[in-house]
């Protein structure tokens, strides 16, 4: 028995379609097999962008926490580590980030 493994590029399903009128806009039908392969379903949120001369459609993943997506590699706080923002309002945090430490002069003359 011989097992055959094809490169991923051979598994890509190319389909042809047409742009159709939908009200005052245009659209196209995406084959159900492509939607299934990409885990897309009706009412899913997608991001549509132009890259070069191509339209790219990406599924918008739901926000699941501060250490996901592009922040997945950030170091996580250790259990019991103090939270530097605890008890501060957003205005206090913004002020601290803008001006740095509290013992600096806040009226800077540039």
PDB file of N, CA and C in Angstrom:
ATOM      1  N   UNK A   1       0.844  -1.178   0.000  1.00  0.00           N
ATOM      2  CA  UNK A   1       0.000   0.000   0.000  1.00  0.00           C
ATOM      3  C   UNK A   1       0.892   1.245   0.000  1.00  0.00           C
ATOM      4  N   UNK A   2       0.559   2.193  -0.846  1.00  0.00           N
ATOM      5  CA  UNK A   2       1.337   3.412  -0.975  1.00  0.00           C
ATOM      6  C   UNK A   2       0.458   4.585  -0.564  1.00  0.00           C
ATOM      7  N   UNK A   3       0.977   5.425   0.312  1.00  0.00           N
ATOM      8  CA  UNK A   3       0.251   6.631   0.734  1.00  0.00           C
ATOM      9  C   UNK A   3       0.775   7.812  -0.068  1.00  0.00           C
ATOM     10  N   UNK A   4      -0.144   8.600  -0.568  1.00  0.00           N
ATOM     11  CA  UNK A   4       0.228   9.756  -1.373  1.00  0.00           C
ATOM     12  C   UNK A   4      -0.144  11.014  -0.617  1.00  0.00           C
ATOM     13  N   UNK A   5       0.811  11.892  -0.429  1.00  0.00           N
ATOM     14  CA  UNK A   5       0.570  13.163   0.252  1.00  0.00           C
ATOM     15  C   UNK A   5       0.813  14.287  -0.734  1.00  0.00           C
ATOM     16  N   UNK A   6      -0.227  15.050  -1.000  1.00  0.00           N
ATOM     17  CA  UNK A   6      -0.113  16.159  -1.933  1.00  0.00           C
ATOM     18  C   UNK A   6       0.227  17.437  -1.195  1.00  0.00           C
ATOM     19  N   UNK A   7       1.027  18.325  -1.807  1.00  0.00           N
ATOM     20  CA  UNK A   7       1.283  19.630  -1.185  1.00  0.00           C
ATOM     21  C   UNK A   7      -0.025  20.411  -1.050  1.00  0.00           C
ATOM     22  N   UNK A   8      -0.042  21.329  -0.105  1.00  0.00           N
ATOM     23  CA  UNK A   8      -1.249  22.110   0.164  1.00  0.00           C
ATOM     24  C   UNK A   8      -1.727  22.857  -1.075  1.00  0.00           C
ATOM     25  N   UNK A   9      -0.808  23.270  -1.930  1.00  0.00           N
ATOM     26  CA  UNK A   9      -1.196  24.024  -3.122  1.00  0.00           C
ATOM     27  C   UNK A   9      -2.070  23.204  -4.060  1.00  0.00           C
ATOM     28  N   UNK A  10      -1.959  21.874  -4.037  1.00  0.00           N
ATOM     29  CA  UNK A  10      -2.801  21.022  -4.872  1.00  0.00           C
ATOM     30  C   UNK A  10      -4.213  20.890  -4.309  1.00  0.00           C
ATOM     31  N   UNK A  11      -4.382  21.193  -3.041  1.00  0.00           N
ATOM     32  CA  UNK A  11      -5.685  21.035  -2.404  1.00  0.00           C
ATOM     33  C   UNK A  11      -6.550  22.284  -2.517  1.00  0.00           C
ATOM     34  N   UNK A  12      -6.012  23.345  -3.071  1.00  0.00           N
ATOM     35  CA  UNK A  12      -6.761  24.585  -3.211  1.00  0.00           C
ATOM     36  C   UNK A  12      -7.835  24.397  -4.268  1.00  0.00           C
ATOM     37  N   UNK A  13      -9.057  24.805  -3.925  1.00  0.00           N
ATOM     38  CA  UNK A  13     -10.159  24.646  -4.845  1.00  0.00           C
ATOM     39  C   UNK A  13     -10.415  25.968  -5.550  1.00  0.00           C
ATOM     40  N   UNK A  14     -10.079  26.037  -6.830  1.00  0.00           N
ATOM     41  CA  UNK A  14     -10.347  27.240  -7.614  1.00  0.00           C
ATOM     42  C   UNK A  14     -11.724  27.114  -8.237  1.00  0.00           C
ATOM     43  N   UNK A  15     -12.471  28.165  -8.185  1.00  0.00           N
ATOM     44  CA  UNK A  15     -13.798  28.210  -8.788  1.00  0.00           C
ATOM     45  C   UNK A  15     -13.932  29.506  -9.562  1.00  0.00           C
ATOM     46  N   UNK A  16     -14.727  29.491 -10.594  1.00  0.00           N
ATOM     47  CA  UNK A  16     -15.041  30.691 -11.346  1.00  0.00           C
ATOM     48  C   UNK A  16     -16.443  31.140 -10.974  1.00  0.00           C
ATOM     49  N   UNK A  17     -16.658  32.429 -10.987  1.00  0.00           N
ATOM     50  CA  UNK A  17     -17.968  32.966 -10.677  1.00  0.00           C
ATOM     51  C   UNK A  17     -18.168  34.282 -11.400  1.00  0.00           C
ATOM     52  N   UNK A  18     -19.311  34.887 -11.146  1.00  0.00           N
ATOM     53  CA  UNK A  18     -19.627  36.175 -11.749  1.00  0.00           C
ATOM     54  C   UNK A  18     -20.062  37.135 -10.662  1.00  0.00           C
ATOM     55  N   UNK A  19     -19.780  38.402 -10.895  1.00  0.00           N
ATOM     56  CA  UNK A  19     -20.271  39.453 -10.018  1.00  0.00           C
ATOM     57  C   UNK A  19     -21.747  39.651 -10.364  1.00  0.00           C
ATOM     58  N   UNK A  20     -22.610  39.663  -9.356  1.00  0.00           N
ATOM     59  CA  UNK A  20     -24.042  39.827  -9.577  1.00  0.00           C
ATOM     60  C   UNK A  20     -24.538  41.071  -8.861  1.00  0.00           C
ATOM     61  N   UNK A  21     -25.641  41.606  -9.330  1.00  0.00           N
ATOM     62  CA  UNK A  21     -26.240  42.789  -8.712  1.00  0.00           C
ATOM     63  C   UNK A  21     -27.076  42.333  -7.519  1.00  0.00           C
ATOM     64  N   UNK A  22     -26.885  43.029  -6.382  1.00  0.00           N
ATOM     65  CA  UNK A  22     -27.675  42.800  -5.172  1.00  0.00           C
ATOM     66  C   UNK A  22     -28.128  44.173  -4.715  1.00  0.00           C
ATOM     67  N   UNK A  23     -29.356  44.568  -5.085  1.00  0.00           N
ATOM     68  CA  UNK A  23     -29.839  45.911  -4.782  1.00  0.00           C
ATOM     69  C   UNK A  23     -28.984  46.930  -5.516  1.00  0.00           C
ATOM     70  N   UNK A  24     -28.463  47.928  -4.782  1.00  0.00           N
ATOM     71  CA  UNK A  24     -27.583  48.936  -5.370  1.00  0.00           C
ATOM     72  C   UNK A  24     -26.117  48.525  -5.314  1.00  0.00           C
ATOM     73  N   UNK A  25     -25.841  47.358  -4.760  1.00  0.00           N
ATOM     74  CA  UNK A  25     -24.467  46.879  -4.613  1.00  0.00           C
ATOM     75  C   UNK A  25     -24.234  45.690  -5.529  1.00  0.00           C
ATOM     76  N   UNK A  26     -23.074  45.106  -5.418  1.00  0.00           N
ATOM     77  CA  UNK A  26     -22.740  43.904  -6.166  1.00  0.00           C
ATOM     78  C   UNK A  26     -22.189  42.865  -5.203  1.00  0.00           C
ATOM     79  N   UNK A  27     -22.225  41.631  -5.615  1.00  0.00           N
ATOM     80  CA  UNK A  27     -21.708  40.559  -4.782  1.00  0.00           C
ATOM     81  C   UNK A  27     -21.435  39.340  -5.621  1.00  0.00           C
ATOM     82  N   UNK A  28     -21.080  38.258  -4.959  1.00  0.00           N
ATOM     83  CA  UNK A  28     -20.892  36.991  -5.651  1.00  0.00           C
ATOM     84  C   UNK A  28     -21.219  35.856  -4.700  1.00  0.00           C
ATOM     85  N   UNK A  29     -21.537  34.738  -5.258  1.00  0.00           N
ATOM     86  CA  UNK A  29     -21.871  33.563  -4.462  1.00  0.00           C
ATOM     87  C   UNK A  29     -20.580  32.817  -4.166  1.00  0.00           C
ATOM     88  N   UNK A  30     -20.370  32.495  -2.888  1.00  0.00           N
ATOM     89  CA  UNK A  30     -19.196  31.726  -2.476  1.00  0.00           C
ATOM     90  C   UNK A  30     -19.652  30.282  -2.321  1.00  0.00           C
ATOM     91  N   UNK A  31     -18.997  29.334  -3.001  1.00  0.00           N
ATOM     92  CA  UNK A  31     -19.412  27.933  -2.906  1.00  0.00           C
ATOM     93  C   UNK A  31     -19.405  27.432  -1.461  1.00  0.00           C
ATOM     94  N   UNK A  32     -20.394  26.620  -1.136  1.00  0.00           N
ATOM     95  CA  UNK A  32     -20.552  26.139   0.240  1.00  0.00           C
ATOM     96  C   UNK A  32     -19.341  25.341   0.712  1.00  0.00           C
ATOM     97  N   UNK A  33     -18.677  24.632  -0.187  1.00  0.00           N
ATOM     98  CA  UNK A  33     -17.495  23.857   0.197  1.00  0.00           C
ATOM     99  C   UNK A  33     -16.377  24.784   0.678  1.00  0.00           C
ATOM    100  N   UNK A  34     -16.198  25.921   0.002  1.00  0.00           N
ATOM    101  CA  UNK A  34     -15.183  26.887   0.431  1.00  0.00           C
ATOM    102  C   UNK A  34     -15.538  27.455   1.797  1.00  0.00           C
ATOM    103  N   UNK A  35     -16.808  27.781   1.994  1.00  0.00           N
ATOM    104  CA  UNK A  35     -17.234  28.306   3.295  1.00  0.00           C
ATOM    105  C   UNK A  35     -16.981  27.291   4.392  1.00  0.00           C
ATOM    106  N   UNK A  36     -17.284  26.029   4.112  1.00  0.00           N
ATOM    107  CA  UNK A  36     -17.076  24.970   5.105  1.00  0.00           C
ATOM    108  C   UNK A  36     -15.589  24.803   5.422  1.00  0.00           C
ATOM    109  N   UNK A  37     -14.749  24.804   4.366  1.00  0.00           N
ATOM    110  CA  UNK A  37     -13.304  24.643   4.573  1.00  0.00           C
ATOM    111  C   UNK A  37     -12.725  25.777   5.410  1.00  0.00           C
ATOM    112  N   UNK A  38     -13.314  26.975   5.292  1.00  0.00           N
ATOM    113  CA  UNK A  38     -12.826  28.140   6.023  1.00  0.00           C
ATOM    114  C   UNK A  38     -13.576  28.394   7.321  1.00  0.00           C
ATOM    115  N   UNK A  39     -14.485  27.492   7.682  1.00  0.00           N
ATOM    116  CA  UNK A  39     -15.295  27.611   8.906  1.00  0.00           C
ATOM    117  C   UNK A  39     -16.086  28.916   8.925  1.00  0.00           C
ATOM    118  N   UNK A  40     -16.617  29.304   7.768  1.00  0.00           N
ATOM    119  CA  UNK A  40     -17.458  30.489   7.674  1.00  0.00           C
ATOM    120  C   UNK A  40     -18.913  30.060   7.605  1.00  0.00           C
ATOM    121  N   UNK A  41     -19.784  30.841   8.213  1.00  0.00           N
ATOM    122  CA  UNK A  41     -21.204  30.537   8.222  1.00  0.00           C
ATOM    123  C   UNK A  41     -21.984  31.824   8.039  1.00  0.00           C
ATOM    124  N   UNK A  42     -23.270  31.695   7.827  1.00  0.00           N
ATOM    125  CA  UNK A  42     -24.152  32.852   7.676  1.00  0.00           C
ATOM    126  C   UNK A  42     -24.042  33.726   8.924  1.00  0.00           C
ATOM    127  N   UNK A  43     -24.000  35.050   8.732  1.00  0.00           N
ATOM    128  CA  UNK A  43     -23.921  36.046   9.794  1.00  0.00           C
ATOM    129  C   UNK A  43     -22.548  36.152  10.453  1.00  0.00           C
ATOM    130  N   UNK A  44     -21.523  35.406   9.982  1.00  0.00           N
ATOM    131  CA  UNK A  44     -20.168  35.587  10.512  1.00  0.00           C
ATOM    132  C   UNK A  44     -19.647  36.953  10.081  1.00  0.00           C
ATOM    133  N   UNK A  45     -18.875  37.593  10.941  1.00  0.00           N
ATOM    134  CA  UNK A  45     -18.248  38.867  10.598  1.00  0.00           C
ATOM    135  C   UNK A  45     -16.948  38.608   9.858  1.00  0.00           C
ATOM    136  N   UNK A  46     -16.736  39.348   8.777  1.00  0.00           N
ATOM    137  CA  UNK A  46     -15.514  39.190   7.992  1.00  0.00           C
ATOM    138  C   UNK A  46     -14.875  40.553   7.760  1.00  0.00           C
ATOM    139  N   UNK A  47     -13.592  40.539   7.503  1.00  0.00           N
ATOM    140  CA  UNK A  47     -12.833  41.734   7.142  1.00  0.00           C
ATOM    141  C   UNK A  47     -12.501  41.610   5.665  1.00  0.00           C
ATOM    142  N   UNK A  48     -12.917  42.591   4.865  1.00  0.00           N
ATOM    143  CA  UNK A  48     -12.671  42.580   3.431  1.00  0.00           C
ATOM    144  C   UNK A  48     -11.620  43.648   3.138  1.00  0.00           C
ATOM    145  N   UNK A  49     -10.524  43.261   2.491  1.00  0.00           N
ATOM    146  CA  UNK A  49      -9.460  44.217   2.193  1.00  0.00           C
ATOM    147  C   UNK A  49      -8.912  43.956   0.798  1.00  0.00           C
ATOM    148  N   UNK A  50      -8.151  44.917   0.302  1.00  0.00           N
ATOM    149  CA  UNK A  50      -7.510  44.798  -0.998  1.00  0.00           C
ATOM    150  C   UNK A  50      -6.019  44.650  -0.762  1.00  0.00           C
ATOM    151  N   UNK A  51      -5.441  43.590  -1.315  1.00  0.00           N
ATOM    152  CA  UNK A  51      -3.995  43.371  -1.243  1.00  0.00           C
ATOM    153  C   UNK A  51      -3.500  43.199  -2.674  1.00  0.00           C
ATOM    154  N   UNK A  52      -2.763  44.189  -3.136  1.00  0.00           N
ATOM    155  CA  UNK A  52      -2.337  44.185  -4.532  1.00  0.00           C
ATOM    156  C   UNK A  52      -3.555  44.365  -5.419  1.00  0.00           C
ATOM    157  N   UNK A  53      -3.782  43.421  -6.304  1.00  0.00           N
ATOM    158  CA  UNK A  53      -4.958  43.469  -7.156  1.00  0.00           C
ATOM    159  C   UNK A  53      -5.939  42.359  -6.787  1.00  0.00           C
ATOM    160  N   UNK A  54      -5.957  41.961  -5.501  1.00  0.00           N
ATOM    161  CA  UNK A  54      -6.828  40.885  -5.032  1.00  0.00           C
ATOM    162  C   UNK A  54      -7.716  41.369  -3.896  1.00  0.00           C
ATOM    163  N   UNK A  55      -8.907  40.818  -3.829  1.00  0.00           N
ATOM    164  CA  UNK A  55      -9.802  41.057  -2.696  1.00  0.00           C
ATOM    165  C   UNK A  55      -9.583  39.914  -1.723  1.00  0.00           C
ATOM    166  N   UNK A  56      -9.303  40.235  -0.472  1.00  0.00           N
ATOM    167  CA  UNK A  56      -9.038  39.242   0.555  1.00  0.00           C
ATOM    168  C   UNK A  56     -10.147  39.322   1.595  1.00  0.00           C
ATOM    169  N   UNK A  57     -10.733  38.169   1.921  1.00  0.00           N
ATOM    170  CA  UNK A  57     -11.800  38.087   2.928  1.00  0.00           C
ATOM    171  C   UNK A  57     -11.272  37.251   4.078  1.00  0.00           C
ATOM    172  N   UNK A  58     -11.254  37.836   5.280  1.00  0.00           N
ATOM    173  CA  UNK A  58     -10.778  37.127   6.469  1.00  0.00           C
ATOM    174  C   UNK A  58     -11.882  37.090   7.513  1.00  0.00           C
ATOM    175  N   UNK A  59     -12.006  35.971   8.173  1.00  0.00           N
ATOM    176  CA  UNK A  59     -12.984  35.842   9.249  1.00  0.00           C
ATOM    177  C   UNK A  59     -12.515  36.643  10.453  1.00  0.00           C
ATOM    178  N   UNK A  60     -13.427  37.412  11.044  1.00  0.00           N
ATOM    179  CA  UNK A  60     -13.113  38.166  12.253  1.00  0.00           C
ATOM    180  C   UNK A  60     -13.303  37.232  13.443  1.00  0.00           C
ATOM    181  N   UNK A  61     -12.221  36.923  14.113  1.00  0.00           N
ATOM    182  CA  UNK A  61     -12.296  36.058  15.287  1.00  0.00           C
ATOM    183  C   UNK A  61     -12.777  36.878  16.479  1.00  0.00           C
ATOM    184  N   UNK A  62     -13.606  36.296  17.324  1.00  0.00           N
ATOM    185  CA  UNK A  62     -14.094  37.044  18.487  1.00  0.00           C
ATOM    186  C   UNK A  62     -12.963  37.305  19.476  1.00  0.00           C
ATOM    187  N   UNK A  63     -13.070  38.426  20.193  1.00  0.00           N
ATOM    188  CA  UNK A  63     -12.086  38.771  21.222  1.00  0.00           C
ATOM    189  C   UNK A  63     -12.244  37.810  22.389  1.00  0.00           C
ATOM    190  N   UNK A  64     -11.184  37.117  22.736  1.00  0.00           N
ATOM    191  CA  UNK A  64     -11.270  36.130  23.807  1.00  0.00           C
ATOM    192  C   UNK A  64     -10.389  36.465  24.994  1.00  0.00           C
ATOM    193  N   UNK A  65      -9.720  37.599  24.955  1.00  0.00           N
ATOM    194  CA  UNK A  65      -8.896  37.967  26.086  1.00  0.00           C
ATOM    195  C   UNK A  65      -7.697  38.780  25.662  1.00  0.00           C
ATOM    196  N   UNK A  66      -6.943  39.300  26.630  1.00  0.00           N
ATOM    197  CA  UNK A  66      -5.840  40.192  26.305  1.00  0.00           C
ATOM    198  C   UNK A  66      -4.625  39.488  25.696  1.00  0.00           C
ATOM    199  N   UNK A  67      -4.528  38.180  25.793  1.00  0.00           N
ATOM    200  CA  UNK A  67      -3.333  37.481  25.310  1.00  0.00           C
ATOM    201  C   UNK A  67      -3.676  36.591  24.122  1.00  0.00           C
ATOM    202  N   UNK A  68      -4.397  37.154  23.134  1.00  0.00           N
ATOM    203  CA  UNK A  68      -4.752  36.414  21.933  1.00  0.00           C
ATOM    204  C   UNK A  68      -4.316  37.209  20.712  1.00  0.00           C
ATOM    205  N   UNK A  69      -4.395  36.598  19.561  1.00  0.00           N
ATOM    206  CA  UNK A  69      -4.043  37.279  18.320  1.00  0.00           C
ATOM    207  C   UNK A  69      -2.598  37.743  18.329  1.00  0.00           C
ATOM    208  N   UNK A  70      -2.382  39.013  17.990  1.00  0.00           N
ATOM    209  CA  UNK A  70      -1.017  39.530  17.908  1.00  0.00           C
ATOM    210  C   UNK A  70      -0.366  39.669  19.287  1.00  0.00           C
ATOM    211  N   UNK A  71      -1.153  39.579  20.354  1.00  0.00           N
ATOM    212  CA  UNK A  71      -0.616  39.707  21.708  1.00  0.00           C
ATOM    213  C   UNK A  71      -0.345  38.353  22.363  1.00  0.00           C
ATOM    214  N   UNK A  72      -0.489  37.265  21.617  1.00  0.00           N
ATOM    215  CA  UNK A  72      -0.347  35.926  22.177  1.00  0.00           C
ATOM    216  C   UNK A  72       1.045  35.669  22.752  1.00  0.00           C
ATOM    217  N   UNK A  73       2.074  36.298  22.196  1.00  0.00           N
ATOM    218  CA  UNK A  73       3.446  36.051  22.651  1.00  0.00           C
ATOM    219  C   UNK A  73       3.891  36.962  23.786  1.00  0.00           C
ATOM    220  N   UNK A  74       2.999  37.851  24.232  1.00  0.00           N
ATOM    221  CA  UNK A  74       3.373  38.759  25.323  1.00  0.00           C
ATOM    222  C   UNK A  74       3.546  37.987  26.629  1.00  0.00           C
ATOM    223  N   UNK A  75       4.481  38.419  27.465  1.00  0.00           N
ATOM    224  CA  UNK A  75       4.636  37.737  28.754  1.00  0.00           C
ATOM    225  C   UNK A  75       3.401  37.965  29.617  1.00  0.00           C
ATOM    226  N   UNK A  76       2.929  36.904  30.225  1.00  0.00           N
ATOM    227  CA  UNK A  76       1.742  36.990  31.072  1.00  0.00           C
ATOM    228  C   UNK A  76       2.165  37.296  32.509  1.00  0.00           C
ATOM    229  N   UNK A  77       1.338  38.038  33.253  1.00  0.00           N
ATOM    230  CA  UNK A  77       1.685  38.297  34.656  1.00  0.00           C
ATOM    231  C   UNK A  77       1.646  37.003  35.464  1.00  0.00           C
ATOM    232  N   UNK A  78       2.564  36.898  36.379  1.00  0.00           N
ATOM    233  CA  UNK A  78       2.619  35.730  37.263  1.00  0.00           C
ATOM    234  C   UNK A  78       1.493  35.813  38.288  1.00  0.00           C
ATOM    235  N   UNK A  79       0.984  34.672  38.753  1.00  0.00           N
ATOM    236  CA  UNK A  79      -0.043  34.712  39.809  1.00  0.00           C
ATOM    237  C   UNK A  79       0.489  35.418  41.048  1.00  0.00           C
ATOM    238  N   UNK A  80      -0.305  36.314  41.587  1.00  0.00           N
ATOM    239  CA  UNK A  80       0.087  37.072  42.773  1.00  0.00           C
ATOM    240  C   UNK A  80       0.870  38.332  42.473  1.00  0.00           C
ATOM    241  N   UNK A  81       1.240  38.537  41.224  1.00  0.00           N
ATOM    242  CA  UNK A  81       1.976  39.737  40.831  1.00  0.00           C
ATOM    243  C   UNK A  81       1.040  40.943  40.936  1.00  0.00           C
ATOM    244  N   UNK A  82       1.521  42.065  41.488  1.00  0.00           N
ATOM    245  CA  UNK A  82       0.635  43.220  41.646  1.00  0.00           C
ATOM    246  C   UNK A  82       0.206  43.807  40.304  1.00  0.00           C
ATOM    247  N   UNK A  83      -1.013  44.280  40.241  1.00  0.00           N
ATOM    248  CA  UNK A  83      -1.549  44.913  39.042  1.00  0.00           C
ATOM    249  C   UNK A  83      -1.202  46.398  39.103  1.00  0.00           C
ATOM    250  N   UNK A  84      -0.404  46.920  38.170  1.00  0.00           N
ATOM    251  CA  UNK A  84       0.013  48.325  38.257  1.00  0.00           C
ATOM    252  C   UNK A  84      -1.128  49.311  38.020  1.00  0.00           C
ATOM    253  N   UNK A  85      -2.254  48.875  37.447  1.00  0.00           N
ATOM    254  CA  UNK A  85      -3.359  49.787  37.144  1.00  0.00           C
ATOM    255  C   UNK A  85      -4.504  49.664  38.144  1.00  0.00           C
ATOM    256  N   UNK A  86      -4.360  48.824  39.122  1.00  0.00           N
ATOM    257  CA  UNK A  86      -5.451  48.555  40.053  1.00  0.00           C
ATOM    258  C   UNK A  86      -5.896  49.820  40.796  1.00  0.00           C
ATOM    259  N   UNK A  87      -7.197  50.072  40.772  1.00  0.00           N
ATOM    260  CA  UNK A  87      -7.766  51.195  41.507  1.00  0.00           C
ATOM    261  C   UNK A  87      -7.640  52.544  40.824  1.00  0.00           C
ATOM    262  N   UNK A  88      -7.087  52.596  39.599  1.00  0.00           N
ATOM    263  CA  UNK A  88      -6.919  53.874  38.911  1.00  0.00           C
ATOM    264  C   UNK A  88      -7.990  54.017  37.842  1.00  0.00           C
ATOM    265  N   UNK A  89      -8.457  55.239  37.659  1.00  0.00           N
ATOM    266  CA  UNK A  89      -9.416  55.502  36.594  1.00  0.00           C
ATOM    267  C   UNK A  89      -8.672  55.559  35.267  1.00  0.00           C
ATOM    268  N   UNK A  90      -9.426  55.480  34.164  1.00  0.00           N
ATOM    269  CA  UNK A  90      -8.785  55.548  32.852  1.00  0.00           C
ATOM    270  C   UNK A  90      -8.095  56.896  32.650  1.00  0.00           C
ATOM    271  N   UNK A  91      -8.681  57.974  33.195  1.00  0.00           N
ATOM    272  CA  UNK A  91      -8.057  59.290  33.070  1.00  0.00           C
ATOM    273  C   UNK A  91      -6.720  59.323  33.804  1.00  0.00           C
ATOM    274  N   UNK A  92      -6.644  58.697  34.970  1.00  0.00           N
ATOM    275  CA  UNK A  92      -5.383  58.652  35.727  1.00  0.00           C
ATOM    276  C   UNK A  92      -4.333  57.830  34.978  1.00  0.00           C
ATOM    277  N   UNK A  93      -4.768  56.743  34.348  1.00  0.00           N
ATOM    278  CA  UNK A  93      -3.833  55.904  33.595  1.00  0.00           C
ATOM    279  C   UNK A  93      -3.298  56.667  32.392  1.00  0.00           C
ATOM    280  N   UNK A  94      -4.183  57.360  31.671  1.00  0.00           N
ATOM    281  CA  UNK A  94      -3.759  58.152  30.514  1.00  0.00           C
ATOM    282  C   UNK A  94      -2.785  59.236  30.951  1.00  0.00           C
ATOM    283  N   UNK A  95      -3.083  59.901  32.048  1.00  0.00           N
ATOM    284  CA  UNK A  95      -2.202  60.963  32.538  1.00  0.00           C
ATOM    285  C   UNK A  95      -0.833  60.401  32.914  1.00  0.00           C
ATOM    286  N   UNK A  96      -0.835  59.245  33.570  1.00  0.00           N
ATOM    287  CA  UNK A  96       0.433  58.635  33.955  1.00  0.00           C
ATOM    288  C   UNK A  96       1.238  58.201  32.728  1.00  0.00           C
ATOM    289  N   UNK A  97       0.561  57.670  31.719  1.00  0.00           N
ATOM    290  CA  UNK A  97       1.269  57.271  30.510  1.00  0.00           C
ATOM    291  C   UNK A  97       1.794  58.469  29.734  1.00  0.00           C
ATOM    292  N   UNK A  98       1.040  59.552  29.736  1.00  0.00           N
ATOM    293  CA  UNK A  98       1.457  60.760  29.015  1.00  0.00           C
ATOM    294  C   UNK A  98       2.630  61.439  29.679  1.00  0.00           C
ATOM    295  N   UNK A  99       2.578  61.577  30.978  1.00  0.00           N
ATOM    296  CA  UNK A  99       3.573  62.388  31.683  1.00  0.00           C
ATOM    297  C   UNK A  99       4.604  61.562  32.440  1.00  0.00           C
ATOM    298  N   UNK A 100       4.451  60.252  32.446  1.00  0.00           N
ATOM    299  CA  UNK A 100       5.421  59.426  33.155  1.00  0.00           C
ATOM    300  C   UNK A 100       5.166  59.460  34.649  1.00  0.00           C
ATOM    301  N   UNK A 101       6.225  59.514  35.412  1.00  0.00           N
ATOM    302  CA  UNK A 101       6.098  59.472  36.873  1.00  0.00           C
ATOM    303  C   UNK A 101       5.404  60.721  37.386  1.00  0.00           C
ATOM    304  N   UNK A 102       4.798  60.598  38.562  1.00  0.00           N
ATOM    305  CA  UNK A 102       4.044  61.708  39.144  1.00  0.00           C
ATOM    306  C   UNK A 102       4.931  62.832  39.667  1.00  0.00           C
ATOM    307  N   UNK A 103       6.228  62.557  39.914  1.00  0.00           N
ATOM    308  CA  UNK A 103       7.063  63.601  40.482  1.00  0.00           C
ATOM    309  C   UNK A 103       7.658  64.509  39.389  1.00  0.00           C
ATOM    310  N   UNK A 104       7.328  64.292  38.135  1.00  0.00           N
ATOM    311  CA  UNK A 104       7.777  65.196  37.080  1.00  0.00           C
ATOM    312  C   UNK A 104       6.856  66.384  36.975  1.00  0.00           C
ATOM    313  N   UNK A 105       7.397  67.439  36.457  1.00  0.00           N
ATOM    314  CA  UNK A 105       6.598  68.636  36.239  1.00  0.00           C
ATOM    315  C   UNK A 105       5.665  68.380  35.060  1.00  0.00           C
ATOM    316  N   UNK A 106       4.367  68.655  35.235  1.00  0.00           N
ATOM    317  CA  UNK A 106       3.385  68.338  34.212  1.00  0.00           C
ATOM    318  C   UNK A 106       3.228  69.474  33.199  1.00  0.00           C
ATOM    319  N   UNK A 107       3.624  70.639  33.513  1.00  0.00           N
ATOM    320  CA  UNK A 107       3.532  71.769  32.586  1.00  0.00           C
ATOM    321  C   UNK A 107       4.876  71.936  31.888  1.00  0.00           C
ATOM    322  N   UNK A 108       5.114  71.110  30.918  1.00  0.00           N
ATOM    323  CA  UNK A 108       6.394  71.143  30.219  1.00  0.00           C
ATOM    324  C   UNK A 108       6.377  72.254  29.184  1.00  0.00           C
ATOM    325  N   UNK A 109       7.468  72.977  29.090  1.00  0.00           N
ATOM    326  CA  UNK A 109       7.599  74.044  28.106  1.00  0.00           C
ATOM    327  C   UNK A 109       8.540  73.581  27.011  1.00  0.00           C
ATOM    328  N   UNK A 110       7.999  73.222  25.899  1.00  0.00           N
ATOM    329  CA  UNK A 110       8.792  72.722  24.786  1.00  0.00           C
ATOM    330  C   UNK A 110       9.327  73.864  24.030  1.00  0.00           C
TER     331      UNK A 110
END
